[in-house]
Protein backbone atom coordinates (compact mmCIF):
# COMPACT_ATOMS: atom_id res chain seq x y z
CA MET A 1 1.74 10.10 -17.34
CA GLU A 2 0.59 10.30 -20.93
CA ALA A 3 0.16 6.62 -21.77
CA ARG A 4 -2.92 4.75 -20.73
CA PHE A 5 -2.18 1.63 -18.72
CA PRO A 6 -4.18 -1.60 -18.99
CA GLN A 7 -6.94 -2.10 -16.45
CA PRO A 8 -6.57 -5.39 -14.54
CA PHE A 9 -10.09 -6.74 -14.81
CA THR A 10 -11.98 -8.78 -17.34
CA ARG A 11 -14.80 -7.80 -19.65
CA ARG A 12 -17.06 -10.06 -17.57
CA THR A 13 -16.18 -8.20 -14.35
CA LEU A 14 -16.68 -4.79 -15.94
CA THR A 15 -20.02 -5.84 -17.43
CA ALA A 16 -21.20 -7.21 -14.10
CA THR A 17 -20.18 -4.02 -12.32
CA ILE A 18 -21.99 -1.78 -14.78
CA ALA A 19 -25.08 -3.99 -14.61
CA LEU A 20 -25.15 -3.77 -10.85
CA LEU A 21 -24.94 -0.01 -11.03
CA GLY A 22 -28.16 -0.03 -13.02
CA VAL A 23 -30.23 -1.79 -10.39
CA ALA A 24 -31.67 -0.43 -7.21
CA ALA A 25 -29.15 -0.67 -4.37
CA VAL A 26 -29.97 -3.26 -1.76
CA SER A 27 -28.45 -4.19 1.57
CA ARG A 28 -26.44 -7.42 1.43
CA PRO A 29 -26.69 -9.81 4.39
CA GLY A 30 -23.64 -9.71 6.60
CA PHE A 31 -22.29 -6.46 5.13
CA ARG A 32 -22.65 -3.53 7.51
CA GLN A 33 -22.68 -0.02 6.17
CA ALA A 34 -21.40 2.59 8.63
CA ARG A 35 -23.09 5.70 7.31
CA ALA A 36 -21.03 8.84 7.78
CA GLN A 37 -22.76 11.95 9.09
CA THR A 38 -21.34 15.44 8.88
CA SER A 39 -18.89 16.02 11.72
CA PRO A 40 -18.76 19.05 14.00
CA ALA A 41 -16.90 21.95 12.43
CA GLY A 42 -13.17 21.98 13.06
CA LEU A 43 -12.68 18.24 13.64
CA ASP A 44 -9.39 17.32 11.96
CA VAL A 45 -7.91 13.85 11.44
CA GLU A 46 -4.42 15.22 12.01
CA ASN A 47 -5.39 16.21 15.53
CA GLY A 48 -7.72 13.40 16.55
CA PRO A 49 -10.17 10.77 15.28
CA TRP A 50 -11.28 10.63 11.67
CA PRO A 51 -13.92 13.27 10.91
CA THR A 52 -16.86 12.13 8.80
CA VAL A 53 -18.90 13.89 6.13
CA SER A 54 -21.91 12.96 4.04
CA ALA A 55 -21.31 11.91 0.44
CA GLU A 56 -23.30 14.88 -0.84
CA ASP A 57 -21.30 17.37 1.20
CA ALA A 58 -18.07 15.71 0.03
CA GLY A 59 -19.01 16.20 -3.62
CA ILE A 60 -19.69 12.49 -4.16
CA ASP A 61 -22.84 10.96 -5.63
CA PRO A 62 -25.16 10.44 -2.61
CA SER A 63 -26.10 6.98 -3.93
CA LEU A 64 -22.51 5.70 -3.62
CA PRO A 65 -22.95 4.02 -0.19
CA ASP A 66 -25.94 2.02 -1.44
CA THR A 67 -24.21 1.30 -4.75
CA LEU A 68 -21.25 -0.18 -2.89
CA ASP A 69 -23.63 -2.37 -0.92
CA ALA A 70 -24.99 -3.73 -4.19
CA VAL A 71 -21.69 -4.20 -6.01
CA ILE A 72 -19.79 -5.72 -3.09
CA ALA A 73 -21.49 -9.06 -3.61
CA GLU A 74 -19.20 -9.56 -6.58
CA TYR A 75 -16.20 -9.56 -4.22
CA PRO A 76 -16.81 -12.09 -1.42
CA ALA A 77 -13.29 -11.81 0.02
CA VAL A 78 -13.58 -8.08 0.75
CA THR A 79 -14.24 -7.38 4.43
CA GLY A 80 -13.84 -3.61 4.56
CA ILE A 81 -14.08 -0.51 2.37
CA VAL A 82 -13.33 3.05 3.46
CA VAL A 83 -13.82 6.06 1.17
CA ILE A 84 -12.10 9.28 2.27
CA ARG A 85 -12.29 12.70 0.67
CA GLY A 86 -10.96 16.02 1.87
CA GLY A 87 -9.52 14.40 4.98
CA ALA A 88 -12.88 12.98 6.13
CA ILE A 89 -14.53 9.57 5.89
CA VAL A 90 -17.43 9.63 3.46
CA THR A 91 -18.57 6.04 3.82
CA GLU A 92 -17.21 2.80 5.27
CA HIS A 93 -18.49 -0.75 5.11
CA TYR A 94 -17.50 -3.91 6.99
CA ARG A 95 -18.37 -7.56 6.68
CA GLY A 96 -18.34 -10.51 9.07
CA ASP A 97 -16.50 -10.06 12.33
CA TYR A 98 -14.44 -7.12 11.06
CA GLY A 99 -15.01 -3.51 12.05
CA GLN A 100 -13.24 -0.19 11.87
CA ASP A 101 -10.93 -0.95 14.81
CA ASP A 102 -9.95 -4.50 13.86
CA PRO A 103 -6.42 -4.99 12.48
CA PHE A 104 -5.99 -7.32 9.51
CA ASP A 105 -3.01 -8.71 7.63
CA ILE A 106 -2.25 -6.07 5.02
CA ARG A 107 0.08 -8.44 3.16
CA SER A 108 2.30 -6.56 0.69
CA VAL A 109 0.89 -3.16 1.60
CA THR A 110 3.65 -3.62 4.22
CA LYS A 111 6.08 -2.71 1.43
CA SER A 112 4.55 0.75 1.13
CA VAL A 113 5.01 1.23 4.89
CA ILE A 114 8.69 0.28 4.49
CA GLY A 115 9.04 2.73 1.59
CA THR A 116 7.53 5.40 3.84
CA LEU A 117 10.09 4.65 6.56
CA ILE A 118 12.88 5.08 4.00
CA GLY A 119 11.49 8.53 3.17
CA ILE A 120 11.31 9.43 6.86
CA ALA A 121 14.92 8.31 7.37
CA VAL A 122 15.91 10.62 4.50
CA GLN A 123 14.00 13.53 6.04
CA ARG A 124 15.66 12.96 9.41
CA GLY A 125 19.13 12.80 7.88
CA GLU A 126 19.66 9.20 8.98
CA LEU A 127 19.88 8.00 5.38
CA SER A 128 22.06 10.38 3.40
CA SER A 129 21.30 9.10 -0.08
CA LEU A 130 19.12 6.64 -1.99
CA ASP A 131 22.32 5.68 -3.79
CA ALA A 132 23.76 4.18 -0.59
CA THR A 133 24.51 0.50 -1.12
CA ILE A 134 24.10 -2.82 0.64
CA GLY A 135 27.86 -2.93 1.02
CA GLU A 136 27.83 0.42 2.81
CA LEU A 137 24.76 -0.09 5.02
CA ILE A 138 24.54 -3.78 5.89
CA PRO A 139 27.82 -5.36 4.75
CA ASP A 140 27.71 -7.95 7.53
CA ARG A 141 24.51 -9.43 6.03
CA ILE A 142 26.17 -10.27 2.70
CA PRO A 143 26.77 -14.05 2.72
CA ASP A 144 30.10 -15.66 1.92
CA GLY A 145 30.32 -16.50 -1.75
CA ALA A 146 27.72 -13.93 -2.80
CA ASP A 147 27.92 -12.40 -6.26
CA PRO A 148 30.43 -9.50 -5.98
CA GLU A 149 27.82 -7.22 -7.54
CA VAL A 150 25.50 -7.66 -4.53
CA ALA A 151 27.47 -5.15 -2.45
CA GLY A 152 26.77 -2.42 -5.03
CA ILE A 153 22.97 -2.79 -5.02
CA THR A 154 21.47 0.57 -4.01
CA VAL A 155 18.55 1.60 -1.85
CA ARG A 156 17.02 3.20 -4.93
CA SER A 157 17.11 0.00 -6.97
CA LEU A 158 15.53 -1.94 -4.10
CA LEU A 159 12.78 0.69 -3.82
CA THR A 160 12.00 0.35 -7.53
CA MET A 161 12.47 -3.46 -7.56
CA THR A 162 15.23 -3.16 -10.15
CA SER A 163 18.09 -4.54 -8.05
CA GLY A 164 19.19 -6.95 -10.79
CA LEU A 165 18.96 -9.97 -8.46
CA GLU A 166 17.71 -13.10 -10.17
CA TRP A 167 14.25 -13.88 -8.76
CA ASP A 168 11.00 -15.62 -9.68
CA TYR A 169 8.11 -13.39 -8.66
CA ARG A 170 5.65 -16.28 -9.05
CA SER A 171 7.16 -18.10 -6.05
CA ASP A 172 8.19 -14.95 -4.18
CA TYR A 173 6.18 -15.40 -0.96
CA GLU A 174 6.45 -19.18 -0.77
CA ARG A 175 10.21 -19.04 -1.29
CA LEU A 176 10.77 -16.60 1.55
CA GLU A 177 8.34 -18.32 3.91
CA ALA A 178 10.13 -21.63 3.38
CA SER A 179 13.55 -20.10 3.95
CA ALA A 180 15.43 -20.56 7.22
CA ASP A 181 17.06 -17.17 6.54
CA PRO A 182 15.34 -14.85 4.02
CA VAL A 183 18.33 -12.49 3.91
CA LEU A 184 20.65 -15.35 3.00
CA THR A 185 18.17 -16.60 0.40
CA THR A 186 17.82 -13.17 -1.19
CA LEU A 187 21.47 -12.14 -1.23
CA SER A 188 22.73 -15.54 -2.41
CA GLN A 189 21.09 -15.01 -5.81
CA PRO A 190 23.23 -13.97 -8.78
CA VAL A 191 23.00 -10.45 -10.14
CA THR A 192 21.82 -10.84 -13.73
CA ALA A 193 21.00 -7.24 -14.71
CA ALA A 194 22.37 -3.78 -14.06
CA GLY A 195 20.67 -1.87 -11.27
CA GLY A 196 17.72 0.23 -12.38
CA GLU A 197 17.11 -1.61 -15.63
CA VAL A 198 14.88 -4.65 -15.09
CA TYR A 199 11.83 -4.79 -12.81
CA VAL A 200 11.36 -8.03 -10.86
CA TYR A 201 8.90 -8.25 -7.97
CA ASN A 202 10.94 -9.27 -4.91
CA SER A 203 9.69 -9.20 -1.32
CA GLY A 204 13.19 -10.10 -0.18
CA GLY A 205 14.38 -6.73 -1.47
CA SER A 206 11.73 -4.96 0.62
CA HIS A 207 12.93 -6.91 3.65
CA LEU A 208 16.46 -5.63 2.97
CA LEU A 209 15.11 -2.07 2.97
CA GLY A 210 13.69 -2.67 6.45
CA LEU A 211 17.09 -3.91 7.64
CA MET A 212 18.69 -0.76 6.23
CA VAL A 213 16.22 1.45 8.09
CA ALA A 214 16.99 -0.41 11.32
CA GLU A 215 20.72 0.02 10.69
CA VAL A 216 20.73 3.75 9.97
CA SER A 217 18.29 4.50 12.81
CA GLY A 218 20.15 2.38 15.33
CA ARG A 219 17.04 0.66 16.68
CA PRO A 220 14.69 -2.22 15.83
CA LEU A 221 12.50 -1.48 12.84
CA GLU A 222 9.26 -1.90 14.80
CA ASP A 223 10.38 0.64 17.43
CA TYR A 224 11.46 3.11 14.77
CA ALA A 225 8.17 2.74 12.87
CA ASP A 226 6.20 3.31 16.06
CA GLU A 227 8.17 6.44 16.98
CA VAL A 228 8.45 8.23 13.64
CA LEU A 229 5.35 7.06 11.72
CA PHE A 230 2.64 5.34 13.73
CA ALA A 231 2.64 7.59 16.80
CA PRO A 232 2.66 10.89 14.82
CA LEU A 233 -0.24 9.65 12.66
CA GLY A 234 -2.27 8.39 15.63
CA ILE A 235 -1.87 4.72 14.68
CA GLU A 236 -1.51 2.12 17.39
CA ARG A 237 1.70 0.08 17.24
CA GLY A 238 1.40 -2.41 14.41
CA SER A 239 1.78 -6.17 14.74
CA TRP A 240 4.55 -7.40 12.41
CA GLY A 241 5.40 -10.79 10.97
CA ARG A 242 8.85 -12.08 11.93
CA THR A 243 11.62 -14.10 10.32
CA PRO A 244 13.23 -17.16 11.98
CA GLN A 245 15.92 -14.70 13.13
CA GLY A 246 13.31 -12.72 15.08
CA GLU A 247 13.50 -9.66 12.83
CA VAL A 248 10.31 -8.07 11.56
CA ILE A 249 9.52 -8.87 7.92
CA GLY A 250 9.77 -5.90 5.58
CA GLY A 251 7.94 -7.41 2.61
CA TYR A 252 4.60 -8.52 4.09
CA GLY A 253 2.77 -9.52 7.26
CA LEU A 254 2.06 -6.22 9.05
CA LYS A 255 -1.37 -5.89 10.69
CA LEU A 256 -3.17 -2.52 10.76
CA THR A 257 -6.79 -1.34 10.56
CA PRO A 258 -8.44 0.01 7.39
CA ARG A 259 -8.62 3.44 9.03
CA ASP A 260 -4.88 3.24 9.76
CA LEU A 261 -4.23 2.69 6.07
CA GLY A 262 -6.34 5.74 5.33
CA ARG A 263 -3.99 7.81 7.48
CA LEU A 264 -1.01 6.57 5.49
CA GLY A 265 -2.78 7.58 2.29
CA GLN A 266 -3.55 11.00 3.80
CA LEU A 267 0.14 11.50 4.65
CA TYR A 268 0.95 11.04 0.96
CA LEU A 269 -1.88 13.36 -0.11
CA ASN A 270 -0.36 15.92 2.28
CA GLU A 271 2.97 15.47 0.44
CA GLY A 272 4.65 14.28 3.61
CA THR A 273 3.37 16.67 6.28
CA TRP A 274 1.24 15.85 9.31
CA ASN A 275 -0.12 18.29 11.86
CA GLY A 276 2.24 20.99 10.60
CA THR A 277 5.32 18.78 10.81
CA ARG A 278 7.18 17.50 7.76
CA LEU A 279 7.74 13.76 8.11
CA MET A 280 8.97 13.06 4.58
CA PRO A 281 10.54 15.19 1.81
CA ALA A 282 7.98 16.34 -0.75
CA ASP A 283 10.30 15.38 -3.62
CA TYR A 284 10.57 11.86 -2.19
CA ILE A 285 6.76 11.61 -2.13
CA ARG A 286 6.57 12.75 -5.76
CA ALA A 287 9.21 10.24 -6.86
CA ALA A 288 7.65 7.42 -4.82
CA THR A 289 4.27 7.91 -6.51
CA SER A 290 5.39 8.38 -10.11
CA TYR A 291 6.86 6.12 -12.79
CA GLN A 292 10.25 4.67 -11.81
CA SER A 293 10.12 1.21 -13.37
CA ALA A 294 7.90 -0.84 -15.64
CA GLY A 295 6.22 -3.12 -13.10
CA ASP A 296 4.84 -6.54 -14.03
CA GLY A 297 1.75 -8.73 -13.85
CA THR A 298 1.61 -8.45 -10.06
CA GLY A 299 0.01 -5.01 -10.24
CA ARG A 300 -0.31 -4.68 -14.03
CA THR A 301 0.82 -1.07 -13.87
CA PRO A 302 4.17 0.76 -13.53
CA TYR A 303 5.98 1.09 -10.21
CA GLY A 304 7.35 3.92 -8.05
CA TYR A 305 9.06 3.45 -4.68
CA GLN A 306 7.13 0.50 -3.18
CA TRP A 307 3.92 2.01 -4.62
CA TRP A 308 2.21 1.24 -7.91
CA VAL A 309 1.17 4.05 -10.29
CA THR A 310 -1.65 4.21 -12.83
CA ASP A 311 -4.05 6.44 -14.72
CA ALA A 312 -6.61 3.73 -15.44
CA SER A 313 -9.43 5.72 -13.83
CA GLY A 314 -8.77 8.77 -16.00
CA TYR A 315 -6.70 10.46 -13.29
CA ASP A 316 -3.09 9.99 -12.24
CA ALA A 317 -3.21 7.80 -9.15
CA PHE A 318 -1.00 5.60 -7.02
CA TYR A 319 -1.75 2.64 -4.82
CA ALA A 320 -0.38 0.18 -2.30
CA LEU A 321 -1.31 -3.40 -3.10
CA GLY A 322 -1.47 -6.55 -0.99
CA TYR A 323 -2.30 -10.14 -1.90
CA GLY A 324 -5.99 -10.85 -2.10
CA GLY A 325 -6.97 -7.27 -2.89
CA GLN A 326 -5.70 -5.03 -0.09
CA TYR A 327 -5.56 -1.45 -1.41
CA ILE A 328 -4.71 2.08 -0.45
CA TYR A 329 -5.71 3.83 -3.67
CA VAL A 330 -4.99 7.58 -3.83
CA VAL A 331 -6.23 10.02 -6.48
CA PRO A 332 -4.59 13.40 -5.71
CA ALA A 333 -6.60 15.44 -8.23
CA LEU A 334 -9.81 14.36 -6.48
CA ASP A 335 -8.40 14.50 -2.93
CA LEU A 336 -9.65 10.92 -2.72
CA ILE A 337 -8.44 7.85 -0.81
CA CYS A 338 -10.02 4.40 -1.13
CA VAL A 339 -9.03 1.62 1.27
CA VAL A 340 -10.05 -1.97 0.58
CA ALA A 341 -9.40 -4.72 3.14
CA VAL A 342 -9.43 -8.48 2.78
CA GLY A 343 -9.47 -9.68 6.35
CA PHE A 344 -9.93 -13.44 6.15
CA GLU A 345 -8.51 -16.39 4.24
CA THR A 346 -10.58 -17.38 1.25
CA GLY A 347 -10.41 -19.74 -1.68
CA LEU A 348 -8.39 -18.67 -4.71
CA LEU A 349 -11.52 -18.61 -6.84
CA GLU A 350 -12.92 -15.86 -4.62
CA LEU A 351 -9.85 -13.62 -4.83
CA ARG A 352 -11.10 -11.19 -7.48
CA SER A 353 -9.29 -7.87 -7.70
CA PRO A 354 -11.49 -5.11 -6.23
CA ARG A 355 -9.86 -2.45 -8.39
CA PRO A 356 -13.02 -2.18 -10.53
CA LEU A 357 -14.86 -1.03 -7.39
CA ILE A 358 -12.45 1.87 -7.18
CA GLU A 359 -11.87 2.74 -10.83
CA THR A 360 -15.37 2.19 -12.28
CA VAL A 361 -17.59 2.91 -9.27
CA ILE A 362 -16.01 5.17 -6.64
CA VAL A 363 -13.87 7.45 -8.80
CA PRO A 364 -16.66 8.18 -11.36
CA ALA A 365 -18.99 9.02 -8.45
CA THR A 366 -16.58 11.74 -7.28
CA GLN A 367 -17.00 15.22 -8.72
CA PRO A 368 -13.75 16.92 -9.85
């Protein structure tokens, strides 16, 4: 990407971050730093637990762990940070009752899991084309009286959130949570734009993608995810949110651990391979993590396939984003993954985006 994209933080936040970097790092009460030590040679995350490595050996400023301890006070909602480079954990930090093995609600990072399952279905030949339509895959879910254009909405346009369905992103979550049938609510909307043209954030569209995966695989989405994604990556079966119909929600509500999210980021860094096995097509990975549509104020950067894309740190990067500041932030040129978790409910005034931690603290501390 040649254009620079706007960074979603204020001058006040940036100034505070830089100021904190200039002071001696101190340990904050209630925030536990799990210092990584160099692992035995040969330990490989693709064949077992996460290996660990010191910041210095990973080519990262050795002061980064202490710097994170100092800066984290600016982000009271953050309960976990994991920094991974070269397939090893460099440093991880947890706050409150949360630790490395505690699942948390990843909110809309769930969408990136659903996008991953679409790629796996393509690799396995279960989904023949991203141009397959709602009318071809789940025609029985189209409500009576729906806009005739609904049947022609493609998997690709749902992935890029350019389905053309009329939707208000500002009430996205509340609208679906209040609905007795989120599929009916989503597909009853008029189609007001041609597919692929207008970006509108829509969790209902991500839920439709999950239904499509379940349809082409011939099994419940949660079982499919466990078999083809979680088990191969060494992730314990995730806990999903459910609709009133008992189906797992595709747009939000999945619970995983911060380390689990690191494995998902590593799969994308590996361009779709894990332990010598290709789980996703490499060209799907490249398309998913590059510009496909304009995006909006939700992420303040362009959008791929259920992933956001940016170069705000000076490097091309992509990230999964969940409400409150959940992140899987991947910088391929640096072989770097940053996971940020928000594991408890907090007041709206405390929900400050932790992207500055990644883009102005962690990435600059990483040597090319």
